[in-house]
N, C-alpha and C. Protein backbone atom coordinates (compact mmCIF):
# COMPACT_ATOMS: atom_id res chain seq x y z
N UNK A 1 22.58 32.81 12.34
CA UNK A 1 21.24 32.40 12.56
C UNK A 1 20.80 32.33 10.84
N UNK A 2 21.24 32.10 9.88
CA UNK A 2 21.01 31.84 8.90
C UNK A 2 21.53 29.95 9.45
N UNK A 3 22.79 29.50 9.83
CA UNK A 3 23.16 28.57 10.17
C UNK A 3 22.64 27.66 11.00
N UNK A 4 21.45 27.92 12.13
CA UNK A 4 20.94 27.59 12.75
C UNK A 4 19.75 26.78 11.90
N UNK A 5 19.15 28.16 11.18
CA UNK A 5 17.44 27.64 10.77
C UNK A 5 18.29 26.44 10.05
N UNK A 6 19.49 25.92 9.36
CA UNK A 6 19.76 25.23 8.64
C UNK A 6 19.47 24.09 9.12
N UNK A 7 20.59 24.01 10.37
CA UNK A 7 20.55 23.11 10.79
C UNK A 7 19.62 22.55 11.78
N UNK A 8 18.19 23.17 11.82
CA UNK A 8 16.78 22.54 12.29
C UNK A 8 16.07 22.47 11.06
N UNK A 9 16.38 23.12 9.65
CA UNK A 9 15.21 22.49 8.37
C UNK A 9 16.00 20.92 8.62
N UNK A 10 17.82 20.34 8.54
CA UNK A 10 17.92 19.40 8.88
C UNK A 10 17.51 18.37 9.49
N UNK A 11 17.51 19.05 10.75
CA UNK A 11 16.82 17.53 12.12
C UNK A 11 15.01 17.47 11.66
N UNK A 12 14.95 18.58 11.12
CA UNK A 12 13.73 18.15 10.64
C UNK A 12 12.74 17.29 10.01
N UNK A 13 14.13 17.40 8.27
CA UNK A 13 13.99 16.17 7.20
C UNK A 13 14.17 14.95 8.36
N UNK A 14 15.02 14.98 8.80
CA UNK A 14 16.12 13.55 9.42
C UNK A 14 15.08 12.84 10.40
N UNK A 15 14.42 13.65 11.07
CA UNK A 15 13.18 13.44 12.14
C UNK A 15 12.39 12.24 11.10
N UNK A 16 11.59 13.41 10.11
CA UNK A 16 10.54 12.64 9.02
C UNK A 16 11.16 11.04 8.40
N UNK A 17 12.02 11.55 7.97
CA UNK A 17 12.99 10.58 7.56
C UNK A 17 13.31 9.07 8.64
N UNK A 18 12.73 9.38 9.71
CA UNK A 18 13.18 8.32 10.98
C UNK A 18 12.06 8.30 10.78
N UNK A 19 10.96 8.84 10.92
CA UNK A 19 9.61 8.08 10.85
C UNK A 19 8.98 7.30 10.04
N UNK A 20 9.56 7.67 8.49
CA UNK A 20 9.09 6.79 7.67
C UNK A 20 9.96 5.94 7.40
N UNK A 21 11.10 5.95 7.65
CA UNK A 21 11.55 4.27 7.65
C UNK A 21 11.58 3.04 8.95
N UNK A 22 10.29 3.96 10.29
CA UNK A 22 10.55 3.29 11.40
C UNK A 22 9.19 2.78 10.84
N UNK A 23 8.51 3.35 9.77
CA UNK A 23 6.81 2.75 9.55
C UNK A 23 6.82 1.78 9.22
N UNK A 24 8.31 1.57 7.32
CA UNK A 24 8.04 1.08 6.57
C UNK A 24 8.98 -0.37 7.65
N UNK A 25 9.58 -0.60 8.19
CA UNK A 25 10.44 -1.31 8.99
C UNK A 25 8.51 -2.05 9.44
N UNK A 26 7.81 -1.14 10.11
CA UNK A 26 6.93 -2.07 11.52
C UNK A 26 5.82 -2.50 10.16
N UNK A 27 5.40 -2.08 8.98
CA UNK A 27 4.96 -2.69 7.60
C UNK A 27 5.83 -4.54 7.11
N UNK A 28 7.01 -4.34 7.73
CA UNK A 28 7.73 -5.66 6.96
C UNK A 28 7.90 -6.81 8.45
N UNK A 29 8.23 -5.83 9.39
CA UNK A 29 8.06 -7.08 10.63
C UNK A 29 6.52 -7.46 11.08
N UNK A 30 5.29 -7.07 10.68
CA UNK A 30 3.93 -7.40 10.75
C UNK A 30 4.02 -8.76 9.27
N UNK A 31 4.39 -8.73 7.71
CA UNK A 31 4.50 -8.74 6.72
C UNK A 31 5.69 -10.56 7.34
N UNK A 32 6.76 -10.16 8.25
CA UNK A 32 7.47 -11.20 8.24
C UNK A 32 6.59 -12.00 9.40
N UNK A 33 5.72 -11.89 10.51
CA UNK A 33 5.37 -12.61 11.42
C UNK A 33 4.26 -13.01 10.85
N UNK A 34 3.54 -12.39 9.66
CA UNK A 34 2.77 -13.18 9.16
C UNK A 34 3.50 -14.36 8.45
N UNK A 35 4.30 -14.47 7.71
CA UNK A 35 4.73 -15.55 7.42
C UNK A 35 5.28 -16.51 7.92
N UNK A 36 5.70 -15.82 9.19
CA UNK A 36 6.59 -17.18 10.07
C UNK A 36 5.35 -18.25 10.87
N UNK A 37 4.24 -17.38 11.07
CA UNK A 37 2.43 -18.20 11.14
C UNK A 37 2.19 -19.29 10.30
N UNK A 38 2.39 -18.69 9.11
CA UNK A 38 1.79 -19.67 8.60
C UNK A 38 2.52 -20.74 7.51
N UNK A 39 4.17 -20.13 8.42
CA UNK A 39 5.16 -20.93 7.86
C UNK A 39 4.97 -22.28 9.09
N UNK A 40 4.57 -21.87 10.17
CA UNK A 40 4.59 -23.16 11.38
C UNK A 40 3.76 -24.05 11.48
N UNK A 41 2.42 -22.94 10.60
CA UNK A 41 1.18 -23.85 10.70
C UNK A 41 1.67 -24.70 9.82
N UNK A 42 2.02 -25.31 8.46
CA UNK A 42 2.39 -26.19 7.19
C UNK A 42 3.71 -26.76 7.46
N UNK A 43 4.22 -26.11 8.13
CA UNK A 43 5.82 -26.90 7.96
C UNK A 43 6.34 -27.19 9.66
N UNK A 44 5.82 -26.37 9.72
CA UNK A 44 6.13 -27.46 11.57
C UNK A 44 7.24 -25.31 12.20
N UNK A 45 8.30 -26.71 12.59
CA UNK A 45 9.68 -26.08 13.08
C UNK A 45 10.80 -26.43 11.60
N UNK A 46 10.17 -27.19 10.28
CA UNK A 46 10.90 -27.75 9.17
C UNK A 46 11.03 -26.11 8.87
N UNK A 47 12.01 -24.67 8.95
CA UNK A 47 11.96 -23.91 7.73
C UNK A 47 12.54 -23.18 8.00
N UNK A 48 13.71 -22.12 6.69
CA UNK A 48 14.35 -21.39 7.36
C UNK A 48 14.24 -20.40 7.45
N UNK A 49 15.04 -19.02 8.08
CA UNK A 49 14.17 -17.61 7.48
C UNK A 49 14.31 -17.43 6.22
N UNK A 50 15.11 -17.76 5.12
CA UNK A 50 14.68 -17.31 3.63
C UNK A 50 13.47 -17.97 3.02
N UNK A 51 12.67 -18.69 3.65
CA UNK A 51 11.39 -19.12 3.36
C UNK A 51 10.35 -18.39 3.98
N UNK A 52 11.16 -17.83 5.03
CA UNK A 52 10.17 -16.59 5.56
C UNK A 52 10.12 -15.43 4.84
N UNK A 53 11.47 -14.86 4.40
CA UNK A 53 11.53 -13.78 3.88
C UNK A 53 10.67 -13.73 2.64
N UNK A 54 10.79 -15.20 1.57
CA UNK A 54 10.18 -15.80 0.18
C UNK A 54 8.42 -15.59 0.45
N UNK A 55 7.83 -15.77 1.74
CA UNK A 55 6.82 -15.68 1.91
C UNK A 55 6.10 -14.11 2.24
N UNK A 56 7.43 -14.02 2.83
CA UNK A 56 6.45 -12.36 3.33
C UNK A 56 6.80 -11.63 1.97
N UNK A 57 7.59 -11.99 1.36
CA UNK A 57 7.60 -11.24 -0.72
C UNK A 57 6.30 -11.68 -1.24
N UNK A 58 6.11 -12.72 -1.17
CA UNK A 58 4.76 -13.35 -1.86
C UNK A 58 3.14 -12.40 -1.09
N UNK A 59 3.90 -12.39 -0.10
CA UNK A 59 2.38 -11.50 0.74
C UNK A 59 2.18 -10.72 -0.04
N UNK A 60 3.55 -9.38 0.36
CA UNK A 60 3.44 -8.16 -0.26
C UNK A 60 3.43 -8.11 -1.30
N UNK A 61 3.38 -9.07 -2.35
CA UNK A 61 3.62 -8.93 -3.87
C UNK A 61 1.87 -9.12 -3.86
N UNK A 62 1.51 -9.98 -3.26
CA UNK A 62 -0.27 -10.90 -3.46
C UNK A 62 -0.87 -9.13 -2.53
N UNK A 63 -0.85 -8.45 -1.92
CA UNK A 63 -1.53 -7.76 -1.94
C UNK A 63 -1.04 -6.99 -2.57
N UNK A 64 -0.39 -5.74 -2.91
CA UNK A 64 -0.06 -4.76 -3.98
C UNK A 64 -0.68 -4.88 -4.79
N UNK A 65 -0.40 -6.53 -5.83
CA UNK A 65 -1.32 -7.29 -6.62
C UNK A 65 -3.24 -6.34 -6.55
N UNK A 66 -4.09 -6.90 -5.22
CA UNK A 66 -5.13 -6.60 -4.79
C UNK A 66 -5.41 -4.97 -4.49
N UNK A 67 -4.00 -4.23 -3.98
CA UNK A 67 -4.27 -2.57 -4.65
C UNK A 67 -4.31 -2.62 -5.35
N UNK A 68 -4.18 -2.46 -6.10
CA UNK A 68 -3.98 -2.43 -7.91
C UNK A 68 -5.10 -2.64 -8.16
N UNK A 69 -5.91 -3.96 -8.99
CA UNK A 69 -7.04 -3.74 -8.81
C UNK A 69 -8.32 -3.20 -7.76
N UNK A 70 -8.12 -3.45 -6.69
CA UNK A 70 -9.47 -2.32 -6.26
C UNK A 70 -9.32 -0.91 -6.97
N UNK A 71 -7.82 -0.20 -7.02
CA UNK A 71 -7.78 0.68 -7.46
C UNK A 71 -8.61 1.22 -9.15
N UNK A 72 -8.23 -0.25 -10.36
CA UNK A 72 -8.65 -0.18 -11.34
C UNK A 72 -11.11 -0.47 -11.50
N UNK A 73 -10.89 -1.05 -10.32
CA UNK A 73 -12.29 -0.82 -10.11
C UNK A 73 -13.08 -0.12 -9.81
N UNK A 74 -12.83 0.96 -8.94
CA UNK A 74 -12.39 1.55 -8.44
C UNK A 74 -13.01 3.16 -9.49
N UNK A 75 -11.81 3.11 -10.70
CA UNK A 75 -11.66 4.42 -11.71
C UNK A 75 -12.91 3.81 -12.04
N UNK A 76 -13.40 2.52 -12.65
CA UNK A 76 -13.91 2.13 -14.03
C UNK A 76 -15.38 2.37 -13.62
N UNK A 77 -15.87 1.81 -11.74
CA UNK A 77 -16.43 2.89 -11.10
C UNK A 77 -16.41 3.66 -11.88
N UNK A 78 -16.07 4.37 -11.11
CA UNK A 78 -16.16 6.19 -11.05
C UNK A 78 -16.43 7.26 -12.45
N UNK A 79 -15.53 6.02 -13.46
CA UNK A 79 -16.15 6.51 -15.28
C UNK A 79 -17.22 5.44 -15.69
N UNK A 80 -17.53 4.38 -14.93
CA UNK A 80 -19.29 4.14 -15.44
C UNK A 80 -20.58 5.34 -15.24
N UNK A 81 -20.13 5.54 -13.56
CA UNK A 81 -20.98 6.74 -13.26
C UNK A 81 -20.61 8.16 -14.03
N UNK A 82 -19.94 8.70 -14.52
CA UNK A 82 -19.40 10.01 -15.14
C UNK A 82 -20.44 8.92 -16.48
N UNK A 83 -19.75 8.31 -17.10
CA UNK A 83 -21.24 8.23 -18.75
C UNK A 83 -22.03 8.37 -18.52
N UNK A 84 -23.08 6.97 -17.68
CA UNK A 84 -24.21 6.87 -17.17
C UNK A 84 -24.51 8.58 -16.90
N UNK A 85 -23.93 9.29 -16.36
CA UNK A 85 -24.63 11.02 -15.72
C UNK A 85 -24.69 11.58 -17.17
N UNK A 86 -23.72 11.52 -17.97
CA UNK A 86 -23.55 12.28 -19.27
C UNK A 86 -24.55 11.62 -20.75
N UNK A 87 -25.20 10.37 -19.99
CA UNK A 87 -25.79 9.38 -20.64
C UNK A 87 -27.26 10.28 -20.57
N UNK A 88 -27.44 9.73 -18.71
CA UNK A 88 -28.85 10.02 -18.54
C UNK A 88 -28.95 11.81 -19.16
N UNK A 89 -28.16 12.87 -18.82
CA UNK A 89 -28.07 14.15 -19.49
C UNK A 89 -28.40 14.40 -20.91
N UNK A 90 -28.42 13.61 -21.90
CA UNK A 90 -28.24 13.43 -23.14
C UNK A 90 -30.05 12.93 -23.36
N UNK A 91 -30.16 12.46 -22.24
CA UNK A 91 -31.72 11.69 -22.51
C UNK A 91 -33.15 12.58 -21.97
N UNK A 92 -32.52 13.31 -21.04
CA UNK A 92 -32.93 14.48 -20.07
C UNK A 92 -33.24 16.32 -21.47
N UNK A 93 -32.30 16.04 -21.91
CA UNK A 93 -32.15 17.44 -22.42
C UNK A 93 -32.99 17.11 -24.98
N UNK A 94 -33.41 15.52 -24.85
CA UNK A 94 -33.82 15.53 -25.53
C UNK A 94 -34.95 15.58 -25.99
N UNK A 95 -35.82 14.91 -25.05
CA UNK A 95 -36.67 15.05 -23.87
C UNK A 95 -37.54 16.34 -24.52
N UNK A 96 -36.58 17.06 -23.85
CA UNK A 96 -37.24 18.73 -23.59
C UNK A 96 -37.49 19.52 -24.98
């Protein structure tokens, strides 16, 4: 019975891993499609697979940088709100 449960857990983990991998492949395919479309617009048919890969990597990196910047902005916004709330609380306590 224990062997059967172990096999089930292995199959479940493998299915989850396959789902994650499929999702990543789908995302990479979308970046490659966008990169190829950009190259078609700018270079016509004069590009290689390596060019598509380079442009796709650039697009991925640009999106990662943008995401990091958005996260920083959200953190700064949250910190600013906390500081402002603390400042207002101190003003209210000083007036009491």
